[in-house]
Amino acid sequence: MPPTDIPASTSLRERKKTETWHAIHDAAAGLALDEDTKHVTVEAIASEAGISQRTFFNYFPTKEDAILGVRTPAVPELPEDFLDEDGLIQRTTELLLAVGRSTYSEGNAERRSLLFEKFPHLLLRRREMMIEGEDLVYQAIAAAMADHRAWSGGLNGHSVESAARMLTMAAGVPLRYLVVSGGMSGARLESGSLTAALDLYQDLYRKLS
């Protein structure tokens, strides 16, 4: 399915790259849904997409990534006020979600859900991407804390790295809650669901602390 939302300002080269990415993903996902992932080869995907196997590996490291249509997660630049104490957990949760969504920035979300349903083992790849994204968020926050006057000395004897790691893990709890409770499928998530999960998390923390 050719992309229809490419900005008009996109260069011809970038447009071509996006179209090729979609062609490979569409071919891989279509073959997987028609057959089985173990019978879908890079050779078959390349042939279906009308490209060489070498070109395939310029876009995807594995056939599983091509089937799911995932990219390496990316962390946006943190705003200057990101580490302000008020709302820090929520901002970090939203950052984790944004990074998670960056892996699924393109592709058909409904088809991806069908792939997860038909091939549950692909959920392991999604989990790997989530862990990779979480680690990138941790690294970005640790770097920001190291340069921040209020955080650079660590927290009550704990290092900046430890504080950043704990913050990242704590902020991931509402997202994991939504995954386990069935409120999140693939890259789709209602904003109201996230708000409710954050409210529950913070209410519970205040009651227990």
N, C-alpha and C. Protein backbone atom coordinates (compact mmCIF):
# COMPACT_ATOMS: atom_id res chain seq x y z
N MET A 1 0.84 -1.20 0.00
CA MET A 1 0.00 0.00 0.00
C MET A 1 0.88 1.25 0.00
N PRO A 2 0.94 2.01 -1.06
CA PRO A 2 1.79 3.18 -1.13
C PRO A 2 1.41 4.21 -0.08
N PRO A 3 2.37 4.90 0.51
CA PRO A 3 2.04 5.92 1.50
C PRO A 3 1.33 7.09 0.86
N THR A 4 0.36 7.65 1.57
CA THR A 4 -0.42 8.77 1.02
C THR A 4 -0.21 10.05 1.81
N ASP A 5 0.61 9.99 2.88
CA ASP A 5 0.76 11.15 3.74
C ASP A 5 2.18 11.71 3.74
N ILE A 6 2.92 11.52 2.65
CA ILE A 6 4.27 12.06 2.55
C ILE A 6 4.16 13.57 2.32
N PRO A 7 4.81 14.39 3.17
CA PRO A 7 4.74 15.85 2.99
C PRO A 7 5.22 16.26 1.61
N ALA A 8 4.59 17.31 1.08
CA ALA A 8 4.93 17.77 -0.27
C ALA A 8 6.37 18.27 -0.34
N SER A 9 6.93 18.72 0.81
CA SER A 9 8.29 19.25 0.82
C SER A 9 9.36 18.16 0.82
N THR A 10 8.95 16.89 0.94
CA THR A 10 9.90 15.79 0.98
C THR A 10 10.64 15.68 -0.35
N SER A 11 11.96 15.49 -0.27
CA SER A 11 12.75 15.39 -1.49
C SER A 11 12.40 14.11 -2.24
N LEU A 12 12.72 14.10 -3.53
CA LEU A 12 12.42 12.92 -4.36
C LEU A 12 13.14 11.70 -3.82
N ARG A 13 14.37 11.87 -3.34
CA ARG A 13 15.13 10.74 -2.80
C ARG A 13 14.47 10.17 -1.55
N GLU A 14 14.06 11.05 -0.64
CA GLU A 14 13.40 10.59 0.59
C GLU A 14 12.05 9.97 0.29
N ARG A 15 11.35 10.54 -0.70
CA ARG A 15 10.05 9.98 -1.09
C ARG A 15 10.22 8.56 -1.63
N LYS A 16 11.27 8.39 -2.44
CA LYS A 16 11.55 7.07 -3.00
C LYS A 16 11.90 6.07 -1.91
N LYS A 17 12.68 6.51 -0.92
CA LYS A 17 13.05 5.64 0.19
C LYS A 17 11.82 5.22 0.99
N THR A 18 10.92 6.17 1.21
CA THR A 18 9.69 5.86 1.95
C THR A 18 8.83 4.87 1.17
N GLU A 19 8.72 5.09 -0.13
CA GLU A 19 7.93 4.18 -0.97
C GLU A 19 8.53 2.77 -0.97
N THR A 20 9.85 2.69 -1.02
CA THR A 20 10.51 1.38 -1.01
C THR A 20 10.31 0.69 0.33
N TRP A 21 10.42 1.46 1.40
CA TRP A 21 10.18 0.90 2.75
C TRP A 21 8.79 0.28 2.82
N HIS A 22 7.80 1.01 2.35
CA HIS A 22 6.42 0.51 2.38
C HIS A 22 6.25 -0.71 1.48
N ALA A 23 6.90 -0.69 0.33
CA ALA A 23 6.78 -1.82 -0.59
C ALA A 23 7.32 -3.10 0.05
N ILE A 24 8.44 -2.97 0.74
CA ILE A 24 9.04 -4.14 1.41
C ILE A 24 8.14 -4.61 2.55
N HIS A 25 7.69 -3.68 3.37
CA HIS A 25 6.82 -4.04 4.50
C HIS A 25 5.52 -4.66 4.02
N ASP A 26 4.90 -4.06 3.01
CA ASP A 26 3.65 -4.61 2.48
C ASP A 26 3.84 -6.02 1.95
N ALA A 27 4.94 -6.22 1.24
CA ALA A 27 5.22 -7.55 0.69
C ALA A 27 5.43 -8.57 1.80
N ALA A 28 6.22 -8.20 2.81
CA ALA A 28 6.52 -9.12 3.91
C ALA A 28 5.28 -9.44 4.73
N ALA A 29 4.50 -8.42 5.08
CA ALA A 29 3.29 -8.64 5.87
C ALA A 29 2.27 -9.46 5.09
N GLY A 30 2.12 -9.14 3.81
CA GLY A 30 1.17 -9.88 2.99
C GLY A 30 1.54 -11.34 2.86
N LEU A 31 2.81 -11.63 2.64
CA LEU A 31 3.25 -13.02 2.53
C LEU A 31 3.05 -13.75 3.85
N ALA A 32 3.33 -13.08 4.97
CA ALA A 32 3.18 -13.73 6.27
C ALA A 32 1.72 -14.06 6.56
N LEU A 33 0.81 -13.15 6.23
CA LEU A 33 -0.60 -13.40 6.49
C LEU A 33 -1.16 -14.46 5.55
N ASP A 34 -0.61 -14.56 4.35
CA ASP A 34 -1.06 -15.57 3.39
C ASP A 34 -0.49 -16.94 3.70
N GLU A 35 0.71 -16.96 4.29
CA GLU A 35 1.37 -18.24 4.55
C GLU A 35 1.71 -18.37 6.03
N ASP A 36 2.99 -18.36 6.35
CA ASP A 36 3.48 -18.49 7.71
C ASP A 36 4.85 -17.84 7.75
N THR A 37 5.20 -17.24 8.87
CA THR A 37 6.47 -16.52 8.94
C THR A 37 7.66 -17.43 8.63
N LYS A 38 7.59 -18.69 9.03
CA LYS A 38 8.74 -19.57 8.80
C LYS A 38 8.91 -19.91 7.32
N HIS A 39 7.86 -19.71 6.52
CA HIS A 39 7.95 -19.96 5.09
C HIS A 39 8.23 -18.68 4.30
N VAL A 40 8.26 -17.54 5.00
CA VAL A 40 8.53 -16.26 4.35
C VAL A 40 10.03 -16.00 4.42
N THR A 41 10.67 -15.94 3.29
CA THR A 41 12.11 -15.71 3.24
C THR A 41 12.42 -14.32 2.73
N VAL A 42 13.63 -13.86 2.99
CA VAL A 42 14.07 -12.58 2.46
C VAL A 42 14.01 -12.59 0.94
N GLU A 43 14.39 -13.71 0.36
CA GLU A 43 14.35 -13.85 -1.10
C GLU A 43 12.92 -13.66 -1.62
N ALA A 44 11.95 -14.28 -0.93
CA ALA A 44 10.56 -14.17 -1.37
C ALA A 44 10.04 -12.75 -1.20
N ILE A 45 10.41 -12.11 -0.09
CA ILE A 45 9.98 -10.73 0.16
C ILE A 45 10.55 -9.79 -0.90
N ALA A 46 11.84 -9.95 -1.18
CA ALA A 46 12.50 -9.10 -2.17
C ALA A 46 11.86 -9.27 -3.55
N SER A 47 11.57 -10.51 -3.90
CA SER A 47 10.95 -10.78 -5.19
C SER A 47 9.57 -10.14 -5.27
N GLU A 48 8.78 -10.28 -4.20
CA GLU A 48 7.42 -9.72 -4.17
C GLU A 48 7.46 -8.20 -4.24
N ALA A 49 8.48 -7.58 -3.60
CA ALA A 49 8.58 -6.12 -3.57
C ALA A 49 9.28 -5.56 -4.81
N GLY A 50 9.87 -6.45 -5.63
CA GLY A 50 10.55 -6.00 -6.84
C GLY A 50 11.88 -5.34 -6.56
N ILE A 51 12.59 -5.85 -5.56
CA ILE A 51 13.89 -5.29 -5.21
C ILE A 51 14.91 -6.42 -5.08
N SER A 52 16.18 -6.06 -4.87
CA SER A 52 17.20 -7.07 -4.63
C SER A 52 17.27 -7.38 -3.14
N GLN A 53 17.87 -8.53 -2.81
CA GLN A 53 18.06 -8.87 -1.40
C GLN A 53 18.98 -7.86 -0.73
N ARG A 54 19.93 -7.34 -1.45
CA ARG A 54 20.84 -6.33 -0.89
C ARG A 54 20.06 -5.08 -0.50
N THR A 55 19.13 -4.68 -1.35
CA THR A 55 18.30 -3.52 -1.04
C THR A 55 17.45 -3.79 0.19
N PHE A 56 16.94 -5.01 0.32
CA PHE A 56 16.14 -5.37 1.49
C PHE A 56 16.91 -5.04 2.77
N PHE A 57 18.17 -5.46 2.85
CA PHE A 57 18.94 -5.27 4.07
C PHE A 57 19.38 -3.82 4.28
N ASN A 58 19.19 -2.98 3.27
CA ASN A 58 19.41 -1.54 3.47
C ASN A 58 18.26 -0.92 4.26
N TYR A 59 17.14 -1.63 4.32
CA TYR A 59 15.95 -1.10 4.99
C TYR A 59 15.59 -1.85 6.27
N PHE A 60 15.81 -3.15 6.29
CA PHE A 60 15.43 -3.97 7.45
C PHE A 60 16.54 -4.96 7.78
N PRO A 61 16.89 -5.11 9.06
CA PRO A 61 17.93 -6.07 9.43
C PRO A 61 17.46 -7.52 9.41
N THR A 62 16.14 -7.74 9.59
CA THR A 62 15.59 -9.09 9.62
C THR A 62 14.25 -9.13 8.92
N LYS A 63 13.82 -10.34 8.57
CA LYS A 63 12.51 -10.48 7.93
C LYS A 63 11.40 -10.16 8.93
N GLU A 64 11.63 -10.43 10.23
CA GLU A 64 10.62 -10.13 11.24
C GLU A 64 10.36 -8.63 11.33
N ASP A 65 11.42 -7.82 11.25
CA ASP A 65 11.24 -6.37 11.27
C ASP A 65 10.48 -5.90 10.04
N ALA A 66 10.74 -6.54 8.91
CA ALA A 66 10.02 -6.19 7.68
C ALA A 66 8.55 -6.55 7.78
N ILE A 67 8.27 -7.72 8.35
CA ILE A 67 6.88 -8.17 8.52
C ILE A 67 6.11 -7.21 9.42
N LEU A 68 6.72 -6.80 10.53
CA LEU A 68 6.05 -5.91 11.48
C LEU A 68 6.09 -4.46 11.02
N GLY A 69 7.06 -4.10 10.20
CA GLY A 69 7.19 -2.71 9.77
C GLY A 69 7.70 -1.84 10.90
N VAL A 70 8.84 -2.21 11.47
CA VAL A 70 9.39 -1.46 12.60
C VAL A 70 10.70 -0.80 12.22
N ARG A 71 10.99 0.29 12.91
CA ARG A 71 12.23 1.02 12.73
C ARG A 71 12.98 1.07 14.06
N THR A 72 14.25 1.42 14.02
CA THR A 72 15.01 1.64 15.25
C THR A 72 14.40 2.80 16.02
N PRO A 73 14.12 2.63 17.31
CA PRO A 73 13.50 3.71 18.08
C PRO A 73 14.39 4.94 18.14
N ALA A 74 13.75 6.10 18.23
CA ALA A 74 14.49 7.36 18.27
C ALA A 74 13.96 8.23 19.40
N VAL A 75 14.87 8.92 20.10
CA VAL A 75 14.49 9.79 21.21
C VAL A 75 14.55 11.25 20.77
N PRO A 76 13.48 12.01 20.93
CA PRO A 76 13.52 13.43 20.57
C PRO A 76 14.37 14.21 21.57
N GLU A 77 14.77 15.39 21.20
CA GLU A 77 15.54 16.24 22.12
C GLU A 77 14.66 16.65 23.29
N LEU A 78 15.19 16.54 24.50
CA LEU A 78 14.41 16.87 25.69
C LEU A 78 14.31 18.39 25.85
N PRO A 79 13.12 18.92 26.16
CA PRO A 79 12.99 20.36 26.41
C PRO A 79 13.75 20.76 27.67
N GLU A 80 14.07 22.04 27.80
CA GLU A 80 14.87 22.51 28.93
C GLU A 80 14.19 22.26 30.27
N ASP A 81 12.86 22.30 30.30
CA ASP A 81 12.15 22.13 31.57
C ASP A 81 11.75 20.68 31.83
N PHE A 82 12.29 19.74 31.07
CA PHE A 82 11.86 18.35 31.21
C PHE A 82 12.06 17.83 32.62
N LEU A 83 13.17 18.20 33.27
CA LEU A 83 13.50 17.65 34.58
C LEU A 83 12.89 18.41 35.75
N ASP A 84 12.02 19.38 35.47
CA ASP A 84 11.29 20.03 36.56
C ASP A 84 10.51 18.96 37.32
N GLU A 85 10.50 19.07 38.65
CA GLU A 85 9.90 18.00 39.46
C GLU A 85 8.41 17.81 39.19
N ASP A 86 7.68 18.91 39.04
CA ASP A 86 6.23 18.82 38.83
C ASP A 86 5.93 18.16 37.48
N GLY A 87 5.27 17.00 37.52
CA GLY A 87 4.87 16.32 36.29
C GLY A 87 5.96 15.52 35.63
N LEU A 88 7.07 15.27 36.34
CA LEU A 88 8.19 14.58 35.71
C LEU A 88 7.85 13.14 35.33
N ILE A 89 7.14 12.44 36.20
CA ILE A 89 6.75 11.06 35.88
C ILE A 89 5.90 11.03 34.62
N GLN A 90 4.93 11.92 34.53
CA GLN A 90 4.04 11.94 33.36
C GLN A 90 4.82 12.25 32.09
N ARG A 91 5.73 13.23 32.16
CA ARG A 91 6.51 13.57 30.96
C ARG A 91 7.38 12.40 30.53
N THR A 92 7.93 11.68 31.50
CA THR A 92 8.78 10.54 31.15
C THR A 92 7.94 9.42 30.56
N THR A 93 6.74 9.19 31.11
CA THR A 93 5.85 8.18 30.53
C THR A 93 5.48 8.54 29.10
N GLU A 94 5.16 9.81 28.88
CA GLU A 94 4.81 10.26 27.53
C GLU A 94 6.01 10.15 26.58
N LEU A 95 7.22 10.38 27.11
CA LEU A 95 8.42 10.23 26.30
C LEU A 95 8.62 8.76 25.90
N LEU A 96 8.43 7.85 26.86
CA LEU A 96 8.55 6.43 26.56
C LEU A 96 7.54 6.02 25.48
N LEU A 97 6.33 6.55 25.58
CA LEU A 97 5.31 6.23 24.59
C LEU A 97 5.70 6.78 23.22
N ALA A 98 6.22 8.01 23.18
CA ALA A 98 6.62 8.61 21.91
C ALA A 98 7.75 7.81 21.26
N VAL A 99 8.71 7.37 22.08
CA VAL A 99 9.82 6.58 21.55
C VAL A 99 9.31 5.24 21.06
N GLY A 100 8.38 4.63 21.82
CA GLY A 100 7.79 3.37 21.38
C GLY A 100 7.06 3.53 20.06
N ARG A 101 6.34 4.63 19.92
CA ARG A 101 5.60 4.87 18.68
C ARG A 101 6.53 5.15 17.51
N SER A 102 7.73 5.66 17.80
CA SER A 102 8.66 5.96 16.71
C SER A 102 9.09 4.69 15.98
N THR A 103 9.01 3.54 16.66
CA THR A 103 9.35 2.28 15.99
C THR A 103 8.27 1.85 15.02
N TYR A 104 7.03 2.37 15.25
CA TYR A 104 5.89 2.03 14.39
C TYR A 104 5.37 3.28 13.70
N SER A 105 6.26 4.17 13.32
CA SER A 105 5.84 5.46 12.77
C SER A 105 5.13 5.33 11.44
N GLU A 106 5.32 4.21 10.76
CA GLU A 106 4.65 3.99 9.49
C GLU A 106 4.10 2.57 9.46
N GLY A 107 3.24 2.30 8.52
CA GLY A 107 2.68 0.96 8.43
C GLY A 107 1.23 0.90 8.89
N ASN A 108 0.60 -0.24 8.66
CA ASN A 108 -0.82 -0.43 8.94
C ASN A 108 -0.99 -1.04 10.32
N ALA A 109 -1.51 -0.25 11.29
CA ALA A 109 -1.64 -0.71 12.67
C ALA A 109 -2.62 -1.88 12.78
N GLU A 110 -3.71 -1.83 12.02
CA GLU A 110 -4.68 -2.92 12.08
C GLU A 110 -4.08 -4.23 11.57
N ARG A 111 -3.32 -4.15 10.49
CA ARG A 111 -2.67 -5.34 9.97
C ARG A 111 -1.63 -5.86 10.96
N ARG A 112 -0.93 -4.95 11.62
CA ARG A 112 0.06 -5.37 12.60
C ARG A 112 -0.61 -6.14 13.74
N SER A 113 -1.78 -5.69 14.16
CA SER A 113 -2.51 -6.40 15.21
C SER A 113 -2.88 -7.81 14.75
N LEU A 114 -3.25 -7.95 13.48
CA LEU A 114 -3.56 -9.28 12.94
C LEU A 114 -2.32 -10.16 12.94
N LEU A 115 -1.18 -9.57 12.66
CA LEU A 115 0.07 -10.34 12.66
C LEU A 115 0.40 -10.82 14.07
N PHE A 116 0.22 -9.95 15.06
CA PHE A 116 0.47 -10.36 16.44
C PHE A 116 -0.48 -11.48 16.86
N GLU A 117 -1.71 -11.39 16.40
CA GLU A 117 -2.71 -12.41 16.73
C GLU A 117 -2.37 -13.75 16.09
N LYS A 118 -1.93 -13.71 14.83
CA LYS A 118 -1.63 -14.95 14.11
C LYS A 118 -0.28 -15.52 14.52
N PHE A 119 0.68 -14.63 14.83
CA PHE A 119 2.04 -15.07 15.17
C PHE A 119 2.47 -14.46 16.50
N PRO A 120 2.02 -15.02 17.61
CA PRO A 120 2.33 -14.45 18.93
C PRO A 120 3.83 -14.31 19.19
N HIS A 121 4.66 -15.12 18.53
CA HIS A 121 6.10 -15.02 18.78
C HIS A 121 6.67 -13.67 18.33
N LEU A 122 5.93 -12.98 17.44
CA LEU A 122 6.40 -11.67 17.01
C LEU A 122 6.31 -10.64 18.14
N LEU A 123 5.51 -10.95 19.17
CA LEU A 123 5.43 -10.07 20.34
C LEU A 123 6.79 -9.97 21.04
N LEU A 124 7.60 -11.01 20.91
CA LEU A 124 8.93 -10.98 21.50
C LEU A 124 9.77 -9.89 20.85
N ARG A 125 9.61 -9.72 19.55
CA ARG A 125 10.35 -8.67 18.85
C ARG A 125 9.87 -7.30 19.31
N ARG A 126 8.55 -7.17 19.50
CA ARG A 126 8.03 -5.90 20.00
C ARG A 126 8.61 -5.61 21.38
N ARG A 127 8.70 -6.64 22.21
CA ARG A 127 9.26 -6.46 23.55
C ARG A 127 10.73 -6.02 23.47
N GLU A 128 11.48 -6.61 22.56
CA GLU A 128 12.88 -6.22 22.38
C GLU A 128 12.99 -4.75 21.99
N MET A 129 12.10 -4.31 21.10
CA MET A 129 12.12 -2.92 20.68
C MET A 129 11.75 -1.99 21.83
N MET A 130 10.82 -2.42 22.68
CA MET A 130 10.43 -1.62 23.84
C MET A 130 11.61 -1.46 24.80
N ILE A 131 12.34 -2.55 25.03
CA ILE A 131 13.50 -2.50 25.91
C ILE A 131 14.57 -1.58 25.33
N GLU A 132 14.78 -1.69 24.02
CA GLU A 132 15.76 -0.82 23.36
C GLU A 132 15.36 0.64 23.50
N GLY A 133 14.07 0.92 23.33
CA GLY A 133 13.58 2.29 23.48
C GLY A 133 13.73 2.80 24.90
N GLU A 134 13.42 1.95 25.89
CA GLU A 134 13.57 2.33 27.28
C GLU A 134 15.02 2.66 27.61
N ASP A 135 15.94 1.90 27.05
CA ASP A 135 17.35 2.16 27.32
C ASP A 135 17.79 3.48 26.71
N LEU A 136 17.27 3.81 25.54
CA LEU A 136 17.59 5.09 24.93
C LEU A 136 17.04 6.25 25.75
N VAL A 137 15.84 6.08 26.29
CA VAL A 137 15.25 7.11 27.15
C VAL A 137 16.09 7.28 28.42
N TYR A 138 16.48 6.17 29.02
CA TYR A 138 17.33 6.22 30.22
C TYR A 138 18.61 6.99 29.93
N GLN A 139 19.25 6.68 28.81
CA GLN A 139 20.50 7.35 28.47
C GLN A 139 20.30 8.86 28.27
N ALA A 140 19.20 9.23 27.62
CA ALA A 140 18.92 10.65 27.38
C ALA A 140 18.66 11.38 28.70
N ILE A 141 17.92 10.75 29.59
CA ILE A 141 17.61 11.38 30.88
C ILE A 141 18.86 11.47 31.75
N ALA A 142 19.67 10.41 31.77
CA ALA A 142 20.92 10.44 32.55
C ALA A 142 21.83 11.56 32.07
N ALA A 143 21.93 11.73 30.76
CA ALA A 143 22.78 12.81 30.21
C ALA A 143 22.23 14.17 30.60
N ALA A 144 20.90 14.32 30.55
CA ALA A 144 20.28 15.60 30.93
C ALA A 144 20.47 15.88 32.41
N MET A 145 20.34 14.84 33.25
CA MET A 145 20.53 15.01 34.69
C MET A 145 21.97 15.43 35.01
N ALA A 146 22.93 14.84 34.31
CA ALA A 146 24.34 15.14 34.56
C ALA A 146 24.66 16.61 34.30
N ASP A 147 23.87 17.25 33.42
CA ASP A 147 24.10 18.65 33.08
C ASP A 147 23.14 19.60 33.80
N HIS A 148 22.31 19.05 34.70
CA HIS A 148 21.28 19.84 35.36
C HIS A 148 21.72 20.18 36.79
N ARG A 149 21.61 21.45 37.17
CA ARG A 149 22.08 21.88 38.48
C ARG A 149 21.43 21.13 39.63
N ALA A 150 20.14 20.85 39.53
CA ALA A 150 19.43 20.20 40.63
C ALA A 150 19.62 18.69 40.68
N TRP A 151 20.10 18.12 39.58
CA TRP A 151 20.22 16.66 39.51
C TRP A 151 21.65 16.15 39.38
N SER A 152 22.58 17.02 39.03
CA SER A 152 23.93 16.56 38.68
C SER A 152 24.66 15.88 39.84
N GLY A 153 24.26 16.19 41.10
CA GLY A 153 24.89 15.56 42.25
C GLY A 153 24.28 14.23 42.63
N GLY A 154 23.32 13.76 41.85
CA GLY A 154 22.64 12.52 42.19
C GLY A 154 21.47 12.78 43.12
N LEU A 155 20.98 11.74 43.77
CA LEU A 155 19.79 11.86 44.62
C LEU A 155 20.02 11.09 45.92
N ASN A 156 20.22 11.85 47.02
CA ASN A 156 20.38 11.25 48.35
C ASN A 156 21.41 10.12 48.36
N GLY A 157 22.55 10.39 47.76
CA GLY A 157 23.61 9.41 47.76
C GLY A 157 23.57 8.44 46.59
N HIS A 158 22.51 8.46 45.80
CA HIS A 158 22.39 7.61 44.62
C HIS A 158 22.92 8.37 43.39
N SER A 159 23.56 7.67 42.52
CA SER A 159 24.15 8.31 41.34
C SER A 159 23.10 8.82 40.37
N VAL A 160 23.55 9.70 39.48
CA VAL A 160 22.68 10.20 38.42
C VAL A 160 22.14 9.04 37.58
N GLU A 161 23.02 8.09 37.28
CA GLU A 161 22.61 6.94 36.45
C GLU A 161 21.53 6.12 37.15
N SER A 162 21.69 5.92 38.46
CA SER A 162 20.69 5.15 39.21
C SER A 162 19.35 5.88 39.24
N ALA A 163 19.40 7.21 39.46
CA ALA A 163 18.17 8.00 39.49
C ALA A 163 17.47 7.97 38.14
N ALA A 164 18.24 8.10 37.07
CA ALA A 164 17.66 8.09 35.73
C ALA A 164 17.06 6.73 35.41
N ARG A 165 17.74 5.67 35.80
CA ARG A 165 17.23 4.32 35.55
C ARG A 165 15.93 4.09 36.31
N MET A 166 15.90 4.48 37.59
CA MET A 166 14.69 4.28 38.39
C MET A 166 13.53 5.10 37.85
N LEU A 167 13.80 6.33 37.45
CA LEU A 167 12.75 7.18 36.88
C LEU A 167 12.18 6.55 35.62
N THR A 168 13.04 6.07 34.74
CA THR A 168 12.59 5.45 33.49
C THR A 168 11.75 4.21 33.77
N MET A 169 12.19 3.39 34.70
CA MET A 169 11.44 2.18 35.02
C MET A 169 10.10 2.51 35.67
N ALA A 170 10.10 3.50 36.59
CA ALA A 170 8.86 3.89 37.25
C ALA A 170 7.86 4.45 36.25
N ALA A 171 8.35 5.27 35.31
CA ALA A 171 7.47 5.88 34.31
C ALA A 171 6.91 4.85 33.34
N GLY A 172 7.57 3.70 33.23
CA GLY A 172 7.08 2.65 32.34
C GLY A 172 5.95 1.83 32.92
N VAL A 173 5.73 1.94 34.24
CA VAL A 173 4.69 1.14 34.89
C VAL A 173 3.30 1.38 34.30
N PRO A 174 2.85 2.64 34.13
CA PRO A 174 1.52 2.86 33.55
C PRO A 174 1.36 2.24 32.16
N LEU A 175 2.42 2.26 31.35
CA LEU A 175 2.34 1.67 30.01
C LEU A 175 2.24 0.15 30.10
N ARG A 176 3.01 -0.46 30.99
CA ARG A 176 2.93 -1.91 31.17
C ARG A 176 1.55 -2.30 31.69
N TYR A 177 1.00 -1.47 32.56
CA TYR A 177 -0.35 -1.73 33.08
C TYR A 177 -1.36 -1.77 31.93
N LEU A 178 -1.24 -0.83 30.99
CA LEU A 178 -2.17 -0.78 29.87
C LEU A 178 -1.99 -1.98 28.94
N VAL A 179 -0.76 -2.40 28.75
CA VAL A 179 -0.51 -3.58 27.91
C VAL A 179 -1.14 -4.81 28.54
N VAL A 180 -0.90 -5.01 29.84
CA VAL A 180 -1.40 -6.20 30.54
C VAL A 180 -2.92 -6.18 30.64
N SER A 181 -3.50 -5.01 30.86
CA SER A 181 -4.95 -4.92 31.02
C SER A 181 -5.69 -4.86 29.69
N GLY A 182 -4.93 -4.87 28.59
CA GLY A 182 -5.56 -4.92 27.27
C GLY A 182 -5.94 -3.57 26.71
N GLY A 183 -5.44 -2.49 27.31
CA GLY A 183 -5.79 -1.16 26.82
C GLY A 183 -4.90 -0.66 25.72
N MET A 184 -3.90 -1.45 25.35
CA MET A 184 -2.95 -0.99 24.34
C MET A 184 -2.70 -2.11 23.35
N SER A 185 -2.84 -1.81 22.08
CA SER A 185 -2.61 -2.81 21.03
C SER A 185 -1.67 -2.24 20.00
N GLY A 186 -0.51 -2.91 19.84
CA GLY A 186 0.46 -2.39 18.87
C GLY A 186 0.92 -1.01 19.26
N ALA A 187 0.76 -0.04 18.37
CA ALA A 187 1.18 1.33 18.65
C ALA A 187 -0.02 2.22 18.97
N ARG A 188 -1.22 1.64 19.10
CA ARG A 188 -2.42 2.43 19.32
C ARG A 188 -2.73 2.55 20.80
N LEU A 189 -3.06 3.76 21.24
CA LEU A 189 -3.38 3.97 22.63
C LEU A 189 -4.24 5.23 22.75
N GLU A 190 -5.38 5.10 23.40
CA GLU A 190 -6.25 6.26 23.61
C GLU A 190 -5.63 7.14 24.69
N SER A 191 -5.65 8.47 24.48
CA SER A 191 -5.05 9.39 25.44
C SER A 191 -5.74 9.30 26.79
N GLY A 192 -7.05 9.04 26.78
CA GLY A 192 -7.79 8.92 28.03
C GLY A 192 -7.32 7.74 28.85
N SER A 193 -6.94 6.66 28.18
CA SER A 193 -6.46 5.47 28.88
C SER A 193 -5.14 5.76 29.58
N LEU A 194 -4.25 6.47 28.91
CA LEU A 194 -2.97 6.81 29.51
C LEU A 194 -3.16 7.73 30.71
N THR A 195 -4.05 8.71 30.58
CA THR A 195 -4.31 9.64 31.69
C THR A 195 -4.84 8.89 32.90
N ALA A 196 -5.77 7.96 32.67
CA ALA A 196 -6.35 7.18 33.77
C ALA A 196 -5.29 6.32 34.44
N ALA A 197 -4.42 5.70 33.63
CA ALA A 197 -3.37 4.85 34.18
C ALA A 197 -2.37 5.67 35.01
N LEU A 198 -2.03 6.87 34.53
CA LEU A 198 -1.13 7.75 35.28
C LEU A 198 -1.76 8.19 36.59
N ASP A 199 -3.04 8.53 36.55
CA ASP A 199 -3.75 8.94 37.77
C ASP A 199 -3.75 7.81 38.80
N LEU A 200 -4.04 6.58 38.34
CA LEU A 200 -4.06 5.43 39.24
C LEU A 200 -2.67 5.22 39.84
N TYR A 201 -1.65 5.28 39.01
CA TYR A 201 -0.27 5.07 39.48
C TYR A 201 0.10 6.08 40.56
N GLN A 202 -0.18 7.37 40.30
CA GLN A 202 0.21 8.40 41.25
C GLN A 202 -0.66 8.35 42.51
N ASP A 203 -1.94 8.02 42.39
CA ASP A 203 -2.79 7.86 43.57
C ASP A 203 -2.29 6.72 44.45
N LEU A 204 -1.91 5.62 43.82
CA LEU A 204 -1.42 4.47 44.56
C LEU A 204 -0.09 4.80 45.24
N TYR A 205 0.79 5.49 44.54
CA TYR A 205 2.08 5.87 45.11
C TYR A 205 1.90 6.76 46.32
N ARG A 206 0.99 7.76 46.21
CA ARG A 206 0.77 8.67 47.34
C ARG A 206 0.20 7.92 48.55
N LYS A 207 -0.65 6.94 48.31
CA LYS A 207 -1.26 6.19 49.41
C LYS A 207 -0.22 5.30 50.12
N LEU A 208 0.73 4.79 49.34
CA LEU A 208 1.72 3.86 49.91
C LEU A 208 2.94 4.58 50.46
N SER A 209 3.15 5.81 50.09
CA SER A 209 4.39 6.50 50.51
C SER A 209 4.19 7.24 51.84
